[in-house]
PDB file of N, CA and C in Angstrom:
ATOM      1  N   UNK A   1      90.895  92.338  95.570  1.00  0.00           N
ATOM      2  CA  UNK A   1      90.264  93.029  94.461  1.00  0.00           C
ATOM      3  C   UNK A   1      88.948  93.635  94.966  1.00  0.00           C
ATOM      4  N   UNK A   2      88.765  94.911  94.675  1.00  0.00           N
ATOM      5  CA  UNK A   2      87.570  95.632  95.099  1.00  0.00           C
ATOM      6  C   UNK A   2      86.824  96.149  93.883  1.00  0.00           C
ATOM      7  N   UNK A   3      85.537  95.830  93.783  1.00  0.00           N
ATOM      8  CA  UNK A   3      84.714  96.341  92.681  1.00  0.00           C
ATOM      9  C   UNK A   3      84.390  97.808  92.940  1.00  0.00           C
ATOM     10  N   UNK A   4      84.467  98.617  91.882  1.00  0.00           N
ATOM     11  CA  UNK A   4      84.145 100.041  91.967  1.00  0.00           C
ATOM     12  C   UNK A   4      82.908 100.291  91.122  1.00  0.00           C
ATOM     13  N   UNK A   5      81.965 101.006  91.714  1.00  0.00           N
ATOM     14  CA  UNK A   5      80.678 101.247  91.056  1.00  0.00           C
ATOM     15  C   UNK A   5      80.505 102.719  90.711  1.00  0.00           C
ATOM     16  N   UNK A   6      79.730 102.968  89.674  1.00  0.00           N
ATOM     17  CA  UNK A   6      79.429 104.353  89.317  1.00  0.00           C
ATOM     18  C   UNK A   6      78.163 104.787  90.053  1.00  0.00           C
ATOM     19  N   UNK A   7      77.662 105.968  89.729  1.00  0.00           N
ATOM     20  CA  UNK A   7      76.527 106.575  90.448  1.00  0.00           C
ATOM     21  C   UNK A   7      75.286 105.685  90.506  1.00  0.00           C
ATOM     22  N   UNK A   8      75.057 104.842  89.480  1.00  0.00           N
ATOM     23  CA  UNK A   8      73.860 103.990  89.450  1.00  0.00           C
ATOM     24  C   UNK A   8      74.141 102.567  89.953  1.00  0.00           C
ATOM     25  N   UNK A   9      75.280 102.378  90.607  1.00  0.00           N
ATOM     26  CA  UNK A   9      75.702 101.121  91.222  1.00  0.00           C
ATOM     27  C   UNK A   9      76.212 100.067  90.239  1.00  0.00           C
ATOM     28  N   UNK A  10      76.314 100.398  88.973  1.00  0.00           N
ATOM     29  CA  UNK A  10      76.880  99.463  87.993  1.00  0.00           C
ATOM     30  C   UNK A  10      78.398  99.396  88.197  1.00  0.00           C
ATOM     31  N   UNK A  11      78.950  98.189  88.182  1.00  0.00           N
ATOM     32  CA  UNK A  11      80.396  98.024  88.335  1.00  0.00           C
ATOM     33  C   UNK A  11      81.085  98.555  87.078  1.00  0.00           C
ATOM     34  N   UNK A  12      82.046  99.474  87.289  1.00  0.00           N
ATOM     35  CA  UNK A  12      82.761 100.043  86.143  1.00  0.00           C
ATOM     36  C   UNK A  12      84.241  99.693  86.138  1.00  0.00           C
ATOM     37  N   UNK A  13      84.740  99.157  87.235  1.00  0.00           N
ATOM     38  CA  UNK A  13      86.156  98.813  87.298  1.00  0.00           C
ATOM     39  C   UNK A  13      86.479  98.081  88.583  1.00  0.00           C
ATOM     40  N   UNK A  14      87.758  97.757  88.714  1.00  0.00           N
ATOM     41  CA  UNK A  14      88.206  97.039  89.902  1.00  0.00           C
ATOM     42  C   UNK A  14      89.540  97.609  90.368  1.00  0.00           C
ATOM     43  N   UNK A  15      89.728  97.639  91.679  1.00  0.00           N
ATOM     44  CA  UNK A  15      91.004  98.050  92.259  1.00  0.00           C
ATOM     45  C   UNK A  15      91.782  96.793  92.606  1.00  0.00           C
ATOM     46  N   UNK A  16      92.972  96.686  92.033  1.00  0.00           N
ATOM     47  CA  UNK A  16      93.875  95.578  92.308  1.00  0.00           C
ATOM     48  C   UNK A  16      95.282  96.140  92.457  1.00  0.00           C
ATOM     49  N   UNK A  17      95.947  95.803  93.542  1.00  0.00           N
ATOM     50  CA  UNK A  17      97.325  96.242  93.779  1.00  0.00           C
ATOM     51  C   UNK A  17      97.502  97.751  93.597  1.00  0.00           C
ATOM     52  N   UNK A  18      96.574  98.534  94.097  1.00  0.00           N
ATOM     53  CA  UNK A  18      96.699  99.984  94.062  1.00  0.00           C
ATOM     54  C   UNK A  18      96.339 100.646  92.748  1.00  0.00           C
ATOM     55  N   UNK A  19      95.763  99.878  91.816  1.00  0.00           N
ATOM     56  CA  UNK A  19      95.403 100.426  90.506  1.00  0.00           C
ATOM     57  C   UNK A  19      93.926 100.203  90.220  1.00  0.00           C
ATOM     58  N   UNK A  20      93.237 101.291  89.872  1.00  0.00           N
ATOM     59  CA  UNK A  20      91.858 101.198  89.390  1.00  0.00           C
ATOM     60  C   UNK A  20      91.933 100.944  87.896  1.00  0.00           C
ATOM     61  N   UNK A  21      91.445  99.809  87.457  1.00  0.00           N
ATOM     62  CA  UNK A  21      91.488  99.440  86.044  1.00  0.00           C
ATOM     63  C   UNK A  21      90.079  99.504  85.468  1.00  0.00           C
ATOM     64  N   UNK A  22      89.947 100.282  84.384  1.00  0.00           N
ATOM     65  CA  UNK A  22      88.671 100.488  83.698  1.00  0.00           C
ATOM     66  C   UNK A  22      88.810 100.051  82.246  1.00  0.00           C
ATOM     67  N   UNK A  23      87.841  99.332  81.734  1.00  0.00           N
ATOM     68  CA  UNK A  23      87.833  98.973  80.311  1.00  0.00           C
ATOM     69  C   UNK A  23      86.879  99.924  79.605  1.00  0.00           C
ATOM     70  N   UNK A  24      87.385 100.608  78.576  1.00  0.00           N
ATOM     71  CA  UNK A  24      86.597 101.623  77.870  1.00  0.00           C
ATOM     72  C   UNK A  24      86.824 101.538  76.369  1.00  0.00           C
ATOM     73  N   UNK A  25      85.795 101.911  75.610  1.00  0.00           N
ATOM     74  CA  UNK A  25      85.938 102.051  74.164  1.00  0.00           C
ATOM     75  C   UNK A  25      86.006 103.535  73.837  1.00  0.00           C
ATOM     76  N   UNK A  26      86.890 103.868  72.936  1.00  0.00           N
ATOM     77  CA  UNK A  26      87.068 105.273  72.552  1.00  0.00           C
ATOM     78  C   UNK A  26      85.786 105.840  71.950  1.00  0.00           C
ATOM     79  N   UNK A  27      85.084 105.040  71.168  1.00  0.00           N
ATOM     80  CA  UNK A  27      83.863 105.514  70.504  1.00  0.00           C
ATOM     81  C   UNK A  27      82.804 105.983  71.499  1.00  0.00           C
ATOM     82  N   UNK A  28      82.742 105.351  72.646  1.00  0.00           N
ATOM     83  CA  UNK A  28      81.697 105.670  73.618  1.00  0.00           C
ATOM     84  C   UNK A  28      82.161 106.620  74.726  1.00  0.00           C
ATOM     85  N   UNK A  29      83.423 106.559  75.111  1.00  0.00           N
ATOM     86  CA  UNK A  29      83.879 107.255  76.316  1.00  0.00           C
ATOM     87  C   UNK A  29      84.887 108.378  76.088  1.00  0.00           C
ATOM     88  N   UNK A  30      85.329 108.586  74.862  1.00  0.00           N
ATOM     89  CA  UNK A  30      86.321 109.630  74.584  1.00  0.00           C
ATOM     90  C   UNK A  30      85.616 110.969  74.421  1.00  0.00           C
ATOM     91  N   UNK A  31      86.010 111.952  75.217  1.00  0.00           N
ATOM     92  CA  UNK A  31      85.411 113.287  75.145  1.00  0.00           C
ATOM     93  C   UNK A  31      86.248 114.172  74.234  1.00  0.00           C
ATOM     94  N   UNK A  32      85.640 114.698  73.206  1.00  0.00           N
ATOM     95  CA  UNK A  32      86.363 115.566  72.276  1.00  0.00           C
ATOM     96  C   UNK A  32      86.380 117.021  72.739  1.00  0.00           C
ATOM     97  N   UNK A  33      85.570 117.360  73.716  1.00  0.00           N
ATOM     98  CA  UNK A  33      85.422 118.754  74.151  1.00  0.00           C
ATOM     99  C   UNK A  33      86.469 119.194  75.173  1.00  0.00           C
ATOM    100  N   UNK A  34      87.257 118.270  75.701  1.00  0.00           N
ATOM    101  CA  UNK A  34      88.233 118.617  76.738  1.00  0.00           C
ATOM    102  C   UNK A  34      89.644 118.513  76.171  1.00  0.00           C
ATOM    103  N   UNK A  35      90.372 119.604  76.196  1.00  0.00           N
ATOM    104  CA  UNK A  35      91.742 119.599  75.693  1.00  0.00           C
ATOM    105  C   UNK A  35      91.783 119.599  74.174  1.00  0.00           C
ATOM    106  N   UNK A  36      92.948 119.859  73.650  1.00  0.00           N
ATOM    107  CA  UNK A  36      93.111 119.938  72.198  1.00  0.00           C
ATOM    108  C   UNK A  36      92.976 118.578  71.530  1.00  0.00           C
ATOM    109  N   UNK A  37      93.294 117.522  72.256  1.00  0.00           N
ATOM    110  CA  UNK A  37      93.310 116.188  71.658  1.00  0.00           C
ATOM    111  C   UNK A  37      92.242 115.256  72.206  1.00  0.00           C
ATOM    112  N   UNK A  38      91.376 115.736  73.067  1.00  0.00           N
ATOM    113  CA  UNK A  38      90.350 114.880  73.650  1.00  0.00           C
ATOM    114  C   UNK A  38      90.735 114.420  75.042  1.00  0.00           C
ATOM    115  N   UNK A  39      89.887 113.569  75.621  1.00  0.00           N
ATOM    116  CA  UNK A  39      90.081 113.215  77.017  1.00  0.00           C
ATOM    117  C   UNK A  39      89.303 111.965  77.408  1.00  0.00           C
ATOM    118  N   UNK A  40      89.816 111.265  78.410  1.00  0.00           N
ATOM    119  CA  UNK A  40      89.051 110.242  79.105  1.00  0.00           C
ATOM    120  C   UNK A  40      88.429 110.910  80.317  1.00  0.00           C
ATOM    121  N   UNK A  41      87.206 110.540  80.649  1.00  0.00           N
ATOM    122  CA  UNK A  41      86.558 111.034  81.861  1.00  0.00           C
ATOM    123  C   UNK A  41      86.189 109.841  82.733  1.00  0.00           C
ATOM    124  N   UNK A  42      86.277 110.047  84.038  1.00  0.00           N
ATOM    125  CA  UNK A  42      85.990 108.984  84.999  1.00  0.00           C
ATOM    126  C   UNK A  42      85.026 109.535  86.042  1.00  0.00           C
ATOM    127  N   UNK A  43      84.063 108.716  86.429  1.00  0.00           N
ATOM    128  CA  UNK A  43      83.081 109.082  87.443  1.00  0.00           C
ATOM    129  C   UNK A  43      83.793 109.517  88.729  1.00  0.00           C
ATOM    130  N   UNK A  44      83.465 110.709  89.214  1.00  0.00           N
ATOM    131  CA  UNK A  44      84.131 111.264  90.396  1.00  0.00           C
ATOM    132  C   UNK A  44      83.924 110.391  91.632  1.00  0.00           C
ATOM    133  N   UNK A  45      82.713 109.919  91.847  1.00  0.00           N
ATOM    134  CA  UNK A  45      82.433 109.063  93.006  1.00  0.00           C
ATOM    135  C   UNK A  45      83.264 107.784  92.930  1.00  0.00           C
ATOM    136  N   UNK A  46      83.420 107.231  91.728  1.00  0.00           N
ATOM    137  CA  UNK A  46      84.230 106.020  91.553  1.00  0.00           C
ATOM    138  C   UNK A  46      85.692 106.291  91.908  1.00  0.00           C
ATOM    139  N   UNK A  47      86.196 107.467  91.532  1.00  0.00           N
ATOM    140  CA  UNK A  47      87.575 107.825  91.878  1.00  0.00           C
ATOM    141  C   UNK A  47      87.756 107.923  93.388  1.00  0.00           C
ATOM    142  N   UNK A  48      86.803 108.542  94.062  1.00  0.00           N
ATOM    143  CA  UNK A  48      86.882 108.669  95.521  1.00  0.00           C
ATOM    144  C   UNK A  48      86.801 107.301  96.192  1.00  0.00           C
ATOM    145  N   UNK A  49      85.914 106.439  95.694  1.00  0.00           N
ATOM    146  CA  UNK A  49      85.795 105.084  96.249  1.00  0.00           C
ATOM    147  C   UNK A  49      87.072 104.280  96.010  1.00  0.00           C
ATOM    148  N   UNK A  50      87.647 104.424  94.813  1.00  0.00           N
ATOM    149  CA  UNK A  50      88.886 103.710  94.491  1.00  0.00           C
ATOM    150  C   UNK A  50      90.026 104.191  95.390  1.00  0.00           C
ATOM    151  N   UNK A  51      90.094 105.495  95.609  1.00  0.00           N
ATOM    152  CA  UNK A  51      91.120 106.048  96.500  1.00  0.00           C
ATOM    153  C   UNK A  51      90.944 105.490  97.911  1.00  0.00           C
ATOM    154  N   UNK A  52      89.695 105.419  98.374  1.00  0.00           N
ATOM    155  CA  UNK A  52      89.416 104.855  99.699  1.00  0.00           C
ATOM    156  C   UNK A  52      89.793 103.374  99.776  1.00  0.00           C
ATOM    157  N   UNK A  53      89.749 102.683  98.627  1.00  0.00           N
ATOM    158  CA  UNK A  53      90.103 101.261  98.569  1.00  0.00           C
ATOM    159  C   UNK A  53      91.607 101.057  98.386  1.00  0.00           C
ATOM    160  N   UNK A  54      92.375 102.156  98.371  1.00  0.00           N
ATOM    161  CA  UNK A  54      93.827 102.044  98.291  1.00  0.00           C
ATOM    162  C   UNK A  54      94.440 102.303  96.930  1.00  0.00           C
ATOM    163  N   UNK A  55      93.637 102.677  95.951  1.00  0.00           N
ATOM    164  CA  UNK A  55      94.179 102.938  94.612  1.00  0.00           C
ATOM    165  C   UNK A  55      94.865 104.297  94.559  1.00  0.00           C
ATOM    166  N   UNK A  56      95.953 104.364  93.827  1.00  0.00           N
ATOM    167  CA  UNK A  56      96.641 105.627  93.561  1.00  0.00           C
ATOM    168  C   UNK A  56      96.768 105.875  92.060  1.00  0.00           C
ATOM    169  N   UNK A  57      96.572 104.838  91.267  1.00  0.00           N
ATOM    170  CA  UNK A  57      96.729 104.892  89.810  1.00  0.00           C
ATOM    171  C   UNK A  57      95.407 104.542  89.147  1.00  0.00           C
ATOM    172  N   UNK A  58      95.139 105.176  87.992  1.00  0.00           N
ATOM    173  CA  UNK A  58      93.984 104.832  87.156  1.00  0.00           C
ATOM    174  C   UNK A  58      94.517 104.375  85.807  1.00  0.00           C
ATOM    175  N   UNK A  59      94.035 103.231  85.340  1.00  0.00           N
ATOM    176  CA  UNK A  59      94.358 102.747  83.999  1.00  0.00           C
ATOM    177  C   UNK A  59      93.071 102.570  83.216  1.00  0.00           C
ATOM    178  N   UNK A  60      93.029 103.165  82.032  1.00  0.00           N
ATOM    179  CA  UNK A  60      91.926 102.955  81.102  1.00  0.00           C
ATOM    180  C   UNK A  60      92.459 102.033  80.016  1.00  0.00           C
ATOM    181  N   UNK A  61      91.807 100.882  79.838  1.00  0.00           N
ATOM    182  CA  UNK A  61      92.265  99.889  78.873  1.00  0.00           C
ATOM    183  C   UNK A  61      91.270  99.830  77.722  1.00  0.00           C
ATOM    184  N   UNK A  62      91.774 100.059  76.508  1.00  0.00           N
ATOM    185  CA  UNK A  62      90.941  99.988  75.308  1.00  0.00           C
ATOM    186  C   UNK A  62      90.909  98.550  74.790  1.00  0.00           C
ATOM    187  N   UNK A  63      89.901  98.200  73.981  1.00  0.00           N
ATOM    188  CA  UNK A  63      89.793  96.834  73.459  1.00  0.00           C
ATOM    189  C   UNK A  63      91.025  96.356  72.685  1.00  0.00           C
ATOM    190  N   UNK A  64      91.747  97.274  72.030  1.00  0.00           N
ATOM    191  CA  UNK A  64      92.932  96.865  71.268  1.00  0.00           C
ATOM    192  C   UNK A  64      94.160  96.662  72.150  1.00  0.00           C
ATOM    193  N   UNK A  65      94.027  96.909  73.455  1.00  0.00           N
ATOM    194  CA  UNK A  65      95.131  96.719  74.380  1.00  0.00           C
ATOM    195  C   UNK A  65      95.875  97.990  74.755  1.00  0.00           C
ATOM    196  N   UNK A  66      95.526  99.116  74.149  1.00  0.00           N
ATOM    197  CA  UNK A  66      96.139 100.388  74.520  1.00  0.00           C
ATOM    198  C   UNK A  66      95.771 100.715  75.966  1.00  0.00           C
ATOM    199  N   UNK A  67      96.762 101.133  76.747  1.00  0.00           N
ATOM    200  CA  UNK A  67      96.538 101.471  78.153  1.00  0.00           C
ATOM    201  C   UNK A  67      96.882 102.945  78.368  1.00  0.00           C
ATOM    202  N   UNK A  68      95.959 103.664  78.971  1.00  0.00           N
ATOM    203  CA  UNK A  68      96.142 105.068  79.346  1.00  0.00           C
ATOM    204  C   UNK A  68      96.250 105.103  80.860  1.00  0.00           C
ATOM    205  N   UNK A  69      97.279 105.771  81.389  1.00  0.00           N
ATOM    206  CA  UNK A  69      97.563 105.715  82.826  1.00  0.00           C
ATOM    207  C   UNK A  69      97.804 107.117  83.393  1.00  0.00           C
ATOM    208  N   UNK A  70      97.231 107.370  84.566  1.00  0.00           N
ATOM    209  CA  UNK A  70      97.476 108.612  85.307  1.00  0.00           C
ATOM    210  C   UNK A  70      97.225 108.333  86.785  1.00  0.00           C
ATOM    211  N   UNK A  71      97.392 109.348  87.613  1.00  0.00           N
ATOM    212  CA  UNK A  71      97.159 109.162  89.048  1.00  0.00           C
ATOM    213  C   UNK A  71      95.767 109.663  89.433  1.00  0.00           C
ATOM    214  N   UNK A  72      95.235 109.093  90.478  1.00  0.00           N
ATOM    215  CA  UNK A  72      93.947 109.559  90.997  1.00  0.00           C
ATOM    216  C   UNK A  72      94.088 110.999  91.487  1.00  0.00           C
ATOM    217  N   UNK A  73      95.221 111.313  92.091  1.00  0.00           N
ATOM    218  CA  UNK A  73      95.456 112.681  92.571  1.00  0.00           C
ATOM    219  C   UNK A  73      95.345 113.681  91.428  1.00  0.00           C
ATOM    220  N   UNK A  74      95.894 113.340  90.284  1.00  0.00           N
ATOM    221  CA  UNK A  74      95.840 114.247  89.129  1.00  0.00           C
ATOM    222  C   UNK A  74      94.407 114.391  88.614  1.00  0.00           C
ATOM    223  N   UNK A  75      93.662 113.278  88.569  1.00  0.00           N
ATOM    224  CA  UNK A  75      92.273 113.333  88.101  1.00  0.00           C
ATOM    225  C   UNK A  75      91.372 114.119  89.047  1.00  0.00           C
ATOM    226  N   UNK A  76      91.694 114.119  90.311  1.00  0.00           N
ATOM    227  CA  UNK A  76      90.896 114.866  91.283  1.00  0.00           C
ATOM    228  C   UNK A  76      91.443 116.272  91.526  1.00  0.00           C
ATOM    229  N   UNK A  77      92.580 116.584  90.911  1.00  0.00           N
ATOM    230  CA  UNK A  77      93.244 117.856  91.151  1.00  0.00           C
ATOM    231  C   UNK A  77      92.743 118.999  90.288  1.00  0.00           C
ATOM    232  N   UNK A  78      93.433 120.129  90.409  1.00  0.00           N
ATOM    233  CA  UNK A  78      93.024 121.374  89.758  1.00  0.00           C
ATOM    234  C   UNK A  78      93.129 121.334  88.241  1.00  0.00           C
ATOM    235  N   UNK A  79      94.033 120.508  87.681  1.00  0.00           N
ATOM    236  CA  UNK A  79      94.175 120.494  86.226  1.00  0.00           C
ATOM    237  C   UNK A  79      93.087 119.673  85.527  1.00  0.00           C
ATOM    238  N   UNK A  80      92.326 118.903  86.284  1.00  0.00           N
ATOM    239  CA  UNK A  80      91.231 118.118  85.709  1.00  0.00           C
ATOM    240  C   UNK A  80      89.986 118.992  85.562  1.00  0.00           C
ATOM    241  N   UNK A  81      89.194 118.671  84.568  1.00  0.00           N
ATOM    242  CA  UNK A  81      87.930 119.372  84.333  1.00  0.00           C
ATOM    243  C   UNK A  81      86.821 118.587  85.027  1.00  0.00           C
ATOM    244  N   UNK A  82      85.989 119.272  85.780  1.00  0.00           N
ATOM    245  CA  UNK A  82      84.839 118.640  86.447  1.00  0.00           C
ATOM    246  C   UNK A  82      83.613 118.945  85.608  1.00  0.00           C
ATOM    247  N   UNK A  83      82.884 117.903  85.197  1.00  0.00           N
ATOM    248  CA  UNK A  83      81.719 118.120  84.349  1.00  0.00           C
ATOM    249  C   UNK A  83      80.631 117.105  84.643  1.00  0.00           C
ATOM    250  N   UNK A  84      79.419 117.461  84.276  1.00  0.00           N
ATOM    251  CA  UNK A  84      78.269 116.571  84.430  1.00  0.00           C
ATOM    252  C   UNK A  84      77.486 116.600  83.130  1.00  0.00           C
ATOM    253  N   UNK A  85      77.543 115.490  82.409  1.00  0.00           N
ATOM    254  CA  UNK A  85      76.850 115.374  81.126  1.00  0.00           C
ATOM    255  C   UNK A  85      75.567 114.563  81.256  1.00  0.00           C
ATOM    256  N   UNK A  86      75.036 114.479  82.479  1.00  0.00           N
ATOM    257  CA  UNK A  86      73.798 113.749  82.712  1.00  0.00           C
ATOM    258  C   UNK A  86      73.991 112.340  83.231  1.00  0.00           C
ATOM    259  N   UNK A  87      75.238 111.940  83.449  1.00  0.00           N
ATOM    260  CA  UNK A  87      75.533 110.594  83.959  1.00  0.00           C
ATOM    261  C   UNK A  87      76.318 110.672  85.260  1.00  0.00           C
ATOM    262  N   UNK A  88      76.081 111.705  86.035  1.00  0.00           N
ATOM    263  CA  UNK A  88      76.834 111.902  87.258  1.00  0.00           C
ATOM    264  C   UNK A  88      78.064 112.761  86.995  1.00  0.00           C
ATOM    265  N   UNK A  89      78.671 113.252  88.060  1.00  0.00           N
ATOM    266  CA  UNK A  89      79.842 114.126  87.940  1.00  0.00           C
ATOM    267  C   UNK A  89      81.040 113.308  87.473  1.00  0.00           C
ATOM    268  N   UNK A  90      81.732 113.822  86.477  1.00  0.00           N
ATOM    269  CA  UNK A  90      82.911 113.183  85.903  1.00  0.00           C
ATOM    270  C   UNK A  90      84.123 114.083  86.110  1.00  0.00           C
ATOM    271  N   UNK A  91      85.304 113.487  86.106  1.00  0.00           N
ATOM    272  CA  UNK A  91      86.565 114.226  86.116  1.00  0.00           C
ATOM    273  C   UNK A  91      87.320 113.824  84.854  1.00  0.00           C
ATOM    274  N   UNK A  92      87.775 114.819  84.092  1.00  0.00           N
ATOM    275  CA  UNK A  92      88.440 114.562  82.815  1.00  0.00           C
ATOM    276  C   UNK A  92      89.788 115.257  82.762  1.00  0.00           C
ATOM    277  N   UNK A  93      90.761 114.566  82.173  1.00  0.00           N
ATOM    278  CA  UNK A  93      92.087 115.126  81.925  1.00  0.00           C
ATOM    279  C   UNK A  93      92.360 115.047  80.434  1.00  0.00           C
ATOM    280  N   UNK A  94      92.932 116.086  79.838  1.00  0.00           N
ATOM    281  CA  UNK A  94      93.294 116.017  78.421  1.00  0.00           C
ATOM    282  C   UNK A  94      94.256 114.859  78.155  1.00  0.00           C
ATOM    283  N   UNK A  95      94.243 114.359  76.941  1.00  0.00           N
ATOM    284  CA  UNK A  95      95.063 113.202  76.567  1.00  0.00           C
ATOM    285  C   UNK A  95      96.538 113.400  76.893  1.00  0.00           C
ATOM    286  N   UNK A  96      97.036 114.625  76.747  1.00  0.00           N
ATOM    287  CA  UNK A  96      98.457 114.866  77.003  1.00  0.00           C
ATOM    288  C   UNK A  96      98.829 114.716  78.479  1.00  0.00           C
ATOM    289  N   UNK A  97      97.851 114.603  79.357  1.00  0.00           N
ATOM    290  CA  UNK A  97      98.104 114.394  80.786  1.00  0.00           C
ATOM    291  C   UNK A  97      98.109 112.912  81.167  1.00  0.00           C
ATOM    292  N   UNK A  98      97.874 112.047  80.197  1.00  0.00           N
ATOM    293  CA  UNK A  98      97.866 110.604  80.423  1.00  0.00           C
ATOM    294  C   UNK A  98      99.127 109.999  79.802  1.00  0.00           C
ATOM    295  N   UNK A  99      99.644 108.949  80.417  1.00  0.00           N
ATOM    296  CA  UNK A  99     100.731 108.169  79.830  1.00  0.00           C
ATOM    297  C   UNK A  99     100.083 107.081  78.975  1.00  0.00           C
ATOM    298  N   UNK A 100     100.409 107.044  77.692  1.00  0.00           N
ATOM    299  CA  UNK A 100      99.784 106.087  76.767  1.00  0.00           C
ATOM    300  C   UNK A 100     100.774 104.989  76.414  1.00  0.00           C
ATOM    301  N   UNK A 101     100.347 103.730  76.600  1.00  0.00           N
ATOM    302  CA  UNK A 101     101.148 102.581  76.206  1.00  0.00           C
ATOM    303  C   UNK A 101     100.401 101.855  75.097  1.00  0.00           C
ATOM    304  N   UNK A 102     100.958 101.861  73.863  1.00  0.00           N
ATOM    305  CA  UNK A 102     100.267 101.191  72.765  1.00  0.00           C
ATOM    306  C   UNK A 102     100.274  99.679  72.963  1.00  0.00           C
ATOM    307  N   UNK A 103      99.362  98.988  72.275  1.00  0.00           N
ATOM    308  CA  UNK A 103      99.337  97.532  72.401  1.00  0.00           C
ATOM    309  C   UNK A 103     100.613  96.935  71.829  1.00  0.00           C
ATOM    310  N   UNK A 104     101.043  95.839  72.406  1.00  0.00           N
ATOM    311  CA  UNK A 104     102.236  95.170  71.879  1.00  0.00           C
ATOM    312  C   UNK A 104     101.808  94.020  70.983  1.00  0.00           C
ATOM    313  N   UNK A 105     102.571  93.827  69.934  1.00  0.00           N
ATOM    314  CA  UNK A 105     102.273  92.735  69.008  1.00  0.00           C
ATOM    315  C   UNK A 105     102.912  91.461  69.533  1.00  0.00           C
ATOM    316  N   UNK A 106     102.159  90.389  69.508  1.00  0.00           N
ATOM    317  CA  UNK A 106     102.691  89.107  69.939  1.00  0.00           C
ATOM    318  C   UNK A 106     103.680  88.593  68.900  1.00  0.00           C
ATOM    319  N   UNK A 107     104.716  87.887  69.336  1.00  0.00           N
ATOM    320  CA  UNK A 107     105.672  87.340  68.369  1.00  0.00           C
ATOM    321  C   UNK A 107     105.002  86.290  67.483  1.00  0.00           C
ATOM    322  N   UNK A 108     105.481  86.207  66.246  1.00  0.00           N
ATOM    323  CA  UNK A 108     104.903  85.240  65.312  1.00  0.00           C
ATOM    324  C   UNK A 108     105.348  83.819  65.618  1.00  0.00           C
ATOM    325  N   UNK A 109     106.548  83.647  66.165  1.00  0.00           N
ATOM    326  CA  UNK A 109     107.023  82.327  66.590  1.00  0.00           C
ATOM    327  C   UNK A 109     108.050  82.449  67.650  1.00  0.00           C
TER     328      UNK A 109
END
């Protein structure tokens, strides 16, 4: 497991078994300005570090258990938007470019 840090050295995720896993809340991290349905954005330096650590997949996990999944190649590629909102360079993909897995309900018995 490799810790991944953002521009200010704060740990934002971990690479395990080829996947960069990030925990995010929609209220704080969802960008409404990218794509028709919004977007997740990820620190560009963190993506490069995760790729160097062997990651090929990015998963954004919401508190309710929803998982958004895409590839690092796609986030660093031409279809991603590169932006800087004052917190370092970010790479964003519209929601339709992510695979969304809703949370599963636990069985009652």
